[in-house]
Amino acid sequence: MQKLLYSPMGKLFILQPDERSSPPHPLLPPGCALYFLDKNQRGFSSSVLRAFLNSPHPLETLSDPTAYGSEGTILRDHDSSNYLKAVNGVLRQHTKMVVRRVRKERNLLWPLLTSPSPHSWSHESNMENIRVKKEIMSGV
């Protein structure tokens, strides 16, 4: 068993970019996402965290000659512009979800707001009722 090179303290945030920027982690579902792990959270397992951090093991990545250079995984995974792209991807995904939810709620409310109510009051209908009453009263 390989040793863990580092152990996070407290909360751990995992930012996974989309597949175009970087291949997904083997233990996470594909797609752009932000994951959160907390040692104090119920169900937390240090063996699962160790498996996650060791897959692939950092020494495997460092020992791979193709990991270096302009096309290497080291530069790709530590380039700040890739982090910005991943954060923007997560925000875009969240925004789409919120917009869809708001549209769905609006589509549910709009028919209720536009349907005529038997208790509604309009100036025109009340004016017609007044004229009818005056005609009836003046005809007597």
N, C-alpha and C. Protein backbone atom coordinates (compact mmCIF):
# COMPACT_ATOMS: atom_id res chain seq x y z
N MET A 1 0.84 -1.19 0.00
CA MET A 1 0.00 0.00 0.00
C MET A 1 0.89 1.25 0.00
N GLN A 2 0.52 2.22 -0.86
CA GLN A 2 1.29 3.45 -0.94
C GLN A 2 0.87 4.39 0.18
N LYS A 3 1.86 5.14 0.66
CA LYS A 3 1.58 6.09 1.73
C LYS A 3 0.91 7.34 1.17
N LEU A 4 0.14 7.96 2.02
CA LEU A 4 -0.52 9.21 1.67
C LEU A 4 0.50 10.33 1.81
N LEU A 5 0.67 11.13 0.76
CA LEU A 5 1.66 12.21 0.80
C LEU A 5 1.19 13.39 1.63
N TYR A 6 -0.10 13.61 1.69
CA TYR A 6 -0.63 14.72 2.47
C TYR A 6 -2.01 14.32 2.97
N SER A 7 -2.41 14.95 4.04
CA SER A 7 -3.73 14.68 4.62
C SER A 7 -4.41 16.01 4.90
N PRO A 8 -5.54 16.25 4.25
CA PRO A 8 -6.23 17.52 4.47
C PRO A 8 -6.81 17.61 5.88
N MET A 9 -6.88 18.82 6.38
CA MET A 9 -7.47 19.06 7.70
C MET A 9 -8.80 19.78 7.50
N GLY A 10 -9.84 19.29 8.10
CA GLY A 10 -11.14 19.96 8.00
C GLY A 10 -11.86 19.67 6.70
N LYS A 11 -12.35 20.72 6.07
CA LYS A 11 -13.17 20.58 4.87
C LYS A 11 -12.29 20.46 3.62
N LEU A 12 -12.75 19.65 2.69
CA LEU A 12 -12.03 19.45 1.44
C LEU A 12 -12.99 19.73 0.28
N PHE A 13 -12.63 20.67 -0.58
CA PHE A 13 -13.42 20.98 -1.76
C PHE A 13 -12.71 20.40 -2.97
N ILE A 14 -13.46 19.72 -3.82
CA ILE A 14 -12.91 19.11 -5.02
C ILE A 14 -13.59 19.75 -6.22
N LEU A 15 -12.81 20.42 -7.04
CA LEU A 15 -13.33 21.07 -8.24
C LEU A 15 -12.94 20.21 -9.43
N GLN A 16 -13.94 19.66 -10.10
CA GLN A 16 -13.67 18.83 -11.27
C GLN A 16 -14.12 19.58 -12.52
N PRO A 17 -13.20 19.80 -13.47
CA PRO A 17 -13.57 20.49 -14.71
C PRO A 17 -14.32 19.55 -15.66
N ASP A 18 -14.81 20.12 -16.75
CA ASP A 18 -15.48 19.27 -17.73
C ASP A 18 -14.45 18.43 -18.48
N GLU A 19 -14.94 17.47 -19.25
CA GLU A 19 -14.06 16.50 -19.91
C GLU A 19 -13.16 17.13 -20.97
N ARG A 20 -13.57 18.28 -21.52
CA ARG A 20 -12.73 18.93 -22.53
C ARG A 20 -11.45 19.48 -21.92
N SER A 21 -11.51 19.92 -20.68
CA SER A 21 -10.34 20.51 -20.02
C SER A 21 -9.43 19.46 -19.41
N SER A 22 -10.03 18.44 -18.84
CA SER A 22 -9.25 17.44 -18.11
C SER A 22 -10.09 16.17 -17.98
N PRO A 23 -9.44 15.01 -18.04
CA PRO A 23 -10.22 13.78 -17.86
C PRO A 23 -10.79 13.72 -16.44
N PRO A 24 -11.98 13.11 -16.28
CA PRO A 24 -12.58 13.06 -14.95
C PRO A 24 -11.79 12.15 -14.01
N HIS A 25 -11.92 12.41 -12.73
CA HIS A 25 -11.28 11.55 -11.73
C HIS A 25 -11.96 10.19 -11.79
N PRO A 26 -11.20 9.10 -11.67
CA PRO A 26 -11.80 7.77 -11.80
C PRO A 26 -12.86 7.44 -10.74
N LEU A 27 -12.86 8.13 -9.61
CA LEU A 27 -13.82 7.83 -8.55
C LEU A 27 -14.99 8.82 -8.51
N LEU A 28 -15.04 9.75 -9.46
CA LEU A 28 -16.13 10.74 -9.50
C LEU A 28 -16.91 10.59 -10.80
N PRO A 29 -18.18 10.94 -10.78
CA PRO A 29 -18.95 10.91 -12.04
C PRO A 29 -18.40 11.96 -13.00
N PRO A 30 -18.50 11.71 -14.30
CA PRO A 30 -17.99 12.70 -15.27
C PRO A 30 -18.81 13.98 -15.23
N GLY A 31 -18.18 15.05 -15.66
CA GLY A 31 -18.87 16.34 -15.72
C GLY A 31 -18.31 17.34 -14.74
N CYS A 32 -18.57 18.58 -15.06
CA CYS A 32 -18.11 19.69 -14.25
C CYS A 32 -18.89 19.73 -12.94
N ALA A 33 -18.18 19.79 -11.81
CA ALA A 33 -18.86 19.78 -10.51
C ALA A 33 -17.92 20.26 -9.41
N LEU A 34 -18.53 20.67 -8.31
CA LEU A 34 -17.80 21.04 -7.10
C LEU A 34 -18.28 20.11 -6.00
N TYR A 35 -17.36 19.35 -5.43
CA TYR A 35 -17.68 18.39 -4.38
C TYR A 35 -17.12 18.90 -3.05
N PHE A 36 -17.74 18.47 -1.97
CA PHE A 36 -17.37 18.92 -0.64
C PHE A 36 -17.28 17.72 0.28
N LEU A 37 -16.14 17.58 0.96
CA LEU A 37 -15.96 16.51 1.95
C LEU A 37 -15.61 17.16 3.28
N ASP A 38 -16.20 16.64 4.34
CA ASP A 38 -15.94 17.16 5.67
C ASP A 38 -15.67 15.99 6.60
N LYS A 39 -14.53 16.03 7.27
CA LYS A 39 -14.17 14.94 8.19
C LYS A 39 -15.18 14.80 9.32
N ASN A 40 -15.84 15.88 9.68
CA ASN A 40 -16.80 15.86 10.78
C ASN A 40 -18.19 15.40 10.35
N GLN A 41 -18.37 15.23 9.05
CA GLN A 41 -19.68 14.82 8.54
C GLN A 41 -19.90 13.33 8.77
N ARG A 42 -21.14 12.99 9.08
CA ARG A 42 -21.49 11.60 9.31
C ARG A 42 -21.28 10.79 8.03
N GLY A 43 -20.74 9.59 8.16
CA GLY A 43 -20.49 8.74 7.01
C GLY A 43 -19.12 8.95 6.37
N PHE A 44 -18.34 9.87 6.91
CA PHE A 44 -17.00 10.13 6.37
C PHE A 44 -16.10 8.94 6.68
N SER A 45 -15.29 8.57 5.72
CA SER A 45 -14.36 7.46 5.90
C SER A 45 -12.98 7.90 5.45
N SER A 46 -12.00 7.78 6.33
CA SER A 46 -10.64 8.18 5.95
C SER A 46 -10.06 7.23 4.91
N SER A 47 -10.50 5.98 4.88
CA SER A 47 -10.00 5.06 3.86
C SER A 47 -10.51 5.46 2.47
N VAL A 48 -11.74 5.98 2.40
CA VAL A 48 -12.27 6.46 1.12
C VAL A 48 -11.50 7.70 0.67
N LEU A 49 -11.21 8.59 1.60
CA LEU A 49 -10.43 9.78 1.28
C LEU A 49 -9.04 9.39 0.79
N ARG A 50 -8.43 8.44 1.46
CA ARG A 50 -7.09 7.97 1.06
C ARG A 50 -7.14 7.38 -0.35
N ALA A 51 -8.17 6.58 -0.63
CA ALA A 51 -8.31 6.00 -1.97
C ALA A 51 -8.49 7.10 -3.01
N PHE A 52 -9.27 8.11 -2.68
CA PHE A 52 -9.49 9.21 -3.61
C PHE A 52 -8.19 9.96 -3.90
N LEU A 53 -7.46 10.32 -2.84
CA LEU A 53 -6.22 11.09 -3.02
C LEU A 53 -5.11 10.27 -3.66
N ASN A 54 -5.15 8.96 -3.55
CA ASN A 54 -4.11 8.11 -4.14
C ASN A 54 -4.49 7.57 -5.51
N SER A 55 -5.52 8.08 -6.11
CA SER A 55 -5.97 7.56 -7.39
C SER A 55 -6.00 8.69 -8.42
N PRO A 56 -5.05 8.80 -9.28
CA PRO A 56 -3.75 8.14 -9.29
C PRO A 56 -2.84 8.75 -8.21
N HIS A 57 -1.91 7.95 -7.77
CA HIS A 57 -0.99 8.41 -6.74
C HIS A 57 -0.11 9.53 -7.30
N PRO A 58 0.12 10.58 -6.53
CA PRO A 58 0.93 11.71 -7.02
C PRO A 58 2.32 11.29 -7.52
N LEU A 59 2.93 10.28 -6.91
CA LEU A 59 4.25 9.85 -7.37
C LEU A 59 4.17 9.19 -8.75
N GLU A 60 3.05 8.54 -9.06
CA GLU A 60 2.87 7.98 -10.40
C GLU A 60 2.85 9.09 -11.43
N THR A 61 2.13 10.15 -11.12
CA THR A 61 2.05 11.29 -12.04
C THR A 61 3.42 11.93 -12.21
N LEU A 62 4.14 12.13 -11.11
CA LEU A 62 5.45 12.78 -11.18
C LEU A 62 6.49 11.92 -11.89
N SER A 63 6.35 10.60 -11.84
CA SER A 63 7.33 9.72 -12.49
C SER A 63 7.05 9.54 -13.98
N ASP A 64 5.91 10.00 -14.45
CA ASP A 64 5.57 9.87 -15.87
C ASP A 64 6.22 11.01 -16.65
N PRO A 65 7.13 10.70 -17.60
CA PRO A 65 7.81 11.76 -18.35
C PRO A 65 6.86 12.63 -19.18
N THR A 66 5.74 12.07 -19.61
CA THR A 66 4.80 12.86 -20.42
C THR A 66 3.99 13.84 -19.57
N ALA A 67 4.12 13.76 -18.25
CA ALA A 67 3.39 14.68 -17.37
C ALA A 67 3.98 16.08 -17.40
N TYR A 68 5.19 16.21 -17.89
CA TYR A 68 5.88 17.50 -17.91
C TYR A 68 5.73 18.15 -19.28
N GLY A 69 5.96 19.44 -19.34
CA GLY A 69 5.90 20.15 -20.61
C GLY A 69 4.57 20.85 -20.81
N SER A 70 4.44 21.47 -21.97
CA SER A 70 3.25 22.29 -22.24
C SER A 70 1.98 21.46 -22.39
N GLU A 71 2.09 20.20 -22.72
CA GLU A 71 0.91 19.33 -22.88
C GLU A 71 0.76 18.37 -21.71
N GLY A 72 1.58 18.51 -20.68
CA GLY A 72 1.57 17.56 -19.57
C GLY A 72 0.46 17.80 -18.56
N THR A 73 0.17 16.75 -17.80
CA THR A 73 -0.90 16.83 -16.81
C THR A 73 -0.54 17.76 -15.65
N ILE A 74 0.74 17.90 -15.35
CA ILE A 74 1.13 18.76 -14.23
C ILE A 74 0.79 20.21 -14.53
N LEU A 75 1.16 20.68 -15.71
CA LEU A 75 0.84 22.05 -16.09
C LEU A 75 -0.67 22.23 -16.20
N ARG A 76 -1.35 21.27 -16.81
CA ARG A 76 -2.80 21.37 -16.98
C ARG A 76 -3.52 21.46 -15.64
N ASP A 77 -3.11 20.62 -14.69
CA ASP A 77 -3.80 20.57 -13.40
C ASP A 77 -3.44 21.71 -12.46
N HIS A 78 -2.37 22.45 -12.78
CA HIS A 78 -1.96 23.55 -11.91
C HIS A 78 -2.06 24.92 -12.58
N ASP A 79 -2.63 24.96 -13.76
CA ASP A 79 -2.80 26.22 -14.48
C ASP A 79 -4.03 26.95 -13.93
N SER A 80 -3.84 28.18 -13.47
CA SER A 80 -4.94 28.92 -12.84
C SER A 80 -6.09 29.19 -13.81
N SER A 81 -5.81 29.33 -15.09
CA SER A 81 -6.90 29.57 -16.04
C SER A 81 -7.82 28.36 -16.14
N ASN A 82 -7.27 27.16 -15.92
CA ASN A 82 -8.12 25.96 -15.92
C ASN A 82 -9.04 25.94 -14.71
N TYR A 83 -8.56 26.45 -13.58
CA TYR A 83 -9.42 26.55 -12.39
C TYR A 83 -10.56 27.54 -12.66
N LEU A 84 -10.24 28.66 -13.29
CA LEU A 84 -11.25 29.65 -13.62
C LEU A 84 -12.30 29.06 -14.56
N LYS A 85 -11.86 28.30 -15.56
CA LYS A 85 -12.79 27.64 -16.48
C LYS A 85 -13.69 26.66 -15.74
N ALA A 86 -13.12 25.91 -14.81
CA ALA A 86 -13.90 24.93 -14.05
C ALA A 86 -14.92 25.62 -13.15
N VAL A 87 -14.52 26.69 -12.48
CA VAL A 87 -15.45 27.43 -11.62
C VAL A 87 -16.57 28.03 -12.46
N ASN A 88 -16.22 28.62 -13.60
CA ASN A 88 -17.24 29.18 -14.49
C ASN A 88 -18.19 28.10 -14.99
N GLY A 89 -17.67 26.91 -15.26
CA GLY A 89 -18.52 25.79 -15.68
C GLY A 89 -19.51 25.40 -14.60
N VAL A 90 -19.05 25.34 -13.36
CA VAL A 90 -19.95 25.01 -12.24
C VAL A 90 -21.01 26.10 -12.08
N LEU A 91 -20.59 27.37 -12.15
CA LEU A 91 -21.55 28.48 -12.01
C LEU A 91 -22.57 28.48 -13.15
N ARG A 92 -22.10 28.23 -14.37
CA ARG A 92 -23.00 28.19 -15.52
C ARG A 92 -24.03 27.06 -15.36
N GLN A 93 -23.56 25.90 -14.92
CA GLN A 93 -24.44 24.75 -14.70
C GLN A 93 -25.49 25.07 -13.62
N HIS A 94 -25.06 25.69 -12.54
CA HIS A 94 -25.97 26.05 -11.45
C HIS A 94 -26.98 27.10 -11.91
N THR A 95 -26.51 28.08 -12.67
CA THR A 95 -27.39 29.14 -13.17
C THR A 95 -28.47 28.56 -14.08
N LYS A 96 -28.08 27.64 -14.97
CA LYS A 96 -29.07 27.01 -15.85
C LYS A 96 -30.14 26.28 -15.04
N MET A 97 -29.71 25.60 -13.99
CA MET A 97 -30.65 24.87 -13.14
C MET A 97 -31.62 25.83 -12.45
N VAL A 98 -31.11 26.94 -11.93
CA VAL A 98 -31.96 27.92 -11.24
C VAL A 98 -32.93 28.56 -12.23
N VAL A 99 -32.45 28.92 -13.41
CA VAL A 99 -33.31 29.55 -14.42
C VAL A 99 -34.42 28.59 -14.82
N ARG A 100 -34.09 27.32 -15.02
CA ARG A 100 -35.12 26.33 -15.36
C ARG A 100 -36.18 26.23 -14.27
N ARG A 101 -35.74 26.22 -13.02
CA ARG A 101 -36.68 26.12 -11.90
C ARG A 101 -37.59 27.34 -11.84
N VAL A 102 -37.02 28.54 -12.04
CA VAL A 102 -37.82 29.76 -12.02
C VAL A 102 -38.83 29.76 -13.17
N ARG A 103 -38.40 29.33 -14.36
CA ARG A 103 -39.32 29.27 -15.50
C ARG A 103 -40.46 28.29 -15.23
N LYS A 104 -40.12 27.16 -14.65
CA LYS A 104 -41.14 26.16 -14.35
C LYS A 104 -42.16 26.72 -13.36
N GLU A 105 -41.67 27.38 -12.31
CA GLU A 105 -42.58 27.98 -11.33
C GLU A 105 -43.42 29.09 -11.96
N ARG A 106 -42.81 29.87 -12.83
CA ARG A 106 -43.54 30.95 -13.50
C ARG A 106 -44.63 30.36 -14.40
N ASN A 107 -44.31 29.26 -15.09
CA ASN A 107 -45.30 28.61 -15.95
C ASN A 107 -46.45 28.04 -15.14
N LEU A 108 -46.19 27.68 -13.89
CA LEU A 108 -47.27 27.18 -13.03
C LEU A 108 -48.12 28.33 -12.51
N LEU A 109 -47.52 29.48 -12.23
CA LEU A 109 -48.24 30.61 -11.66
C LEU A 109 -48.96 31.46 -12.70
N TRP A 110 -48.42 31.56 -13.90
CA TRP A 110 -48.97 32.46 -14.90
C TRP A 110 -50.44 32.17 -15.21
N PRO A 111 -50.86 30.92 -15.43
CA PRO A 111 -52.29 30.68 -15.68
C PRO A 111 -53.17 31.11 -14.51
N LEU A 112 -52.67 30.96 -13.30
CA LEU A 112 -53.46 31.39 -12.14
C LEU A 112 -53.61 32.90 -12.09
N LEU A 113 -52.56 33.60 -12.46
CA LEU A 113 -52.60 35.06 -12.41
C LEU A 113 -53.43 35.67 -13.54
N THR A 114 -53.51 34.99 -14.66
CA THR A 114 -54.22 35.56 -15.82
C THR A 114 -55.65 35.07 -15.95
N SER A 115 -56.04 34.06 -15.21
CA SER A 115 -57.42 33.55 -15.33
C SER A 115 -58.38 34.52 -14.65
N PRO A 116 -59.56 34.72 -15.26
CA PRO A 116 -60.53 35.64 -14.65
C PRO A 116 -61.10 35.03 -13.37
N SER A 117 -61.23 35.85 -12.39
CA SER A 117 -61.77 35.41 -11.11
C SER A 117 -63.22 35.88 -11.00
N PRO A 118 -64.09 35.08 -10.42
CA PRO A 118 -65.46 35.54 -10.25
C PRO A 118 -65.55 36.71 -9.27
N HIS A 119 -64.54 36.92 -8.49
CA HIS A 119 -64.53 37.99 -7.50
C HIS A 119 -63.75 39.22 -7.98
N SER A 120 -63.35 39.20 -9.23
CA SER A 120 -62.54 40.32 -9.72
C SER A 120 -63.42 41.55 -9.92
N TRP A 121 -62.82 42.70 -9.82
CA TRP A 121 -63.51 43.97 -9.97
C TRP A 121 -62.89 44.71 -11.12
N SER A 122 -63.70 45.15 -12.04
CA SER A 122 -63.17 45.99 -13.10
C SER A 122 -64.05 47.23 -13.23
N HIS A 123 -63.45 48.31 -13.59
CA HIS A 123 -64.15 49.59 -13.68
C HIS A 123 -65.27 49.53 -14.73
N GLU A 124 -64.98 48.89 -15.87
CA GLU A 124 -65.96 48.84 -16.95
C GLU A 124 -67.21 48.07 -16.55
N SER A 125 -67.04 46.92 -15.93
CA SER A 125 -68.22 46.12 -15.56
C SER A 125 -69.05 46.83 -14.51
N ASN A 126 -68.42 47.54 -13.59
CA ASN A 126 -69.17 48.29 -12.57
C ASN A 126 -69.92 49.47 -13.18
N MET A 127 -69.33 50.13 -14.18
CA MET A 127 -70.00 51.24 -14.86
C MET A 127 -71.24 50.74 -15.60
N GLU A 128 -71.14 49.56 -16.21
CA GLU A 128 -72.29 49.00 -16.91
C GLU A 128 -73.40 48.68 -15.92
N ASN A 129 -73.07 48.15 -14.76
CA ASN A 129 -74.08 47.83 -13.75
C ASN A 129 -74.78 49.10 -13.26
N ILE A 130 -74.04 50.19 -13.11
CA ILE A 130 -74.63 51.46 -12.66
C ILE A 130 -75.61 51.97 -13.70
N ARG A 131 -75.24 51.91 -15.01
CA ARG A 131 -76.12 52.37 -16.08
C ARG A 131 -77.41 51.55 -16.12
N VAL A 132 -77.25 50.24 -15.95
CA VAL A 132 -78.43 49.38 -15.97
C VAL A 132 -79.36 49.74 -14.82
N LYS A 133 -78.82 49.98 -13.64
CA LYS A 133 -79.64 50.34 -12.48
C LYS A 133 -80.33 51.68 -12.71
N LYS A 134 -79.63 52.65 -13.31
CA LYS A 134 -80.23 53.96 -13.57
C LYS A 134 -81.38 53.84 -14.57
N GLU A 135 -81.17 52.99 -15.59
CA GLU A 135 -82.22 52.82 -16.59
C GLU A 135 -83.45 52.19 -15.96
N ILE A 136 -83.22 51.18 -15.10
CA ILE A 136 -84.34 50.52 -14.45
C ILE A 136 -85.06 51.49 -13.54
N MET A 137 -84.30 52.29 -12.78
CA MET A 137 -84.91 53.24 -11.85
C MET A 137 -85.63 54.36 -12.59
N SER A 138 -85.07 54.83 -13.69
CA SER A 138 -85.71 55.93 -14.40
C SER A 138 -86.93 55.48 -15.19
N GLY A 139 -87.00 54.20 -15.49
CA GLY A 139 -88.14 53.69 -16.25
C GLY A 139 -89.35 53.46 -15.38
N VAL A 140 -89.23 53.48 -14.09
CA VAL A 140 -90.35 53.21 -13.20
C VAL A 140 -91.16 54.43 -12.96
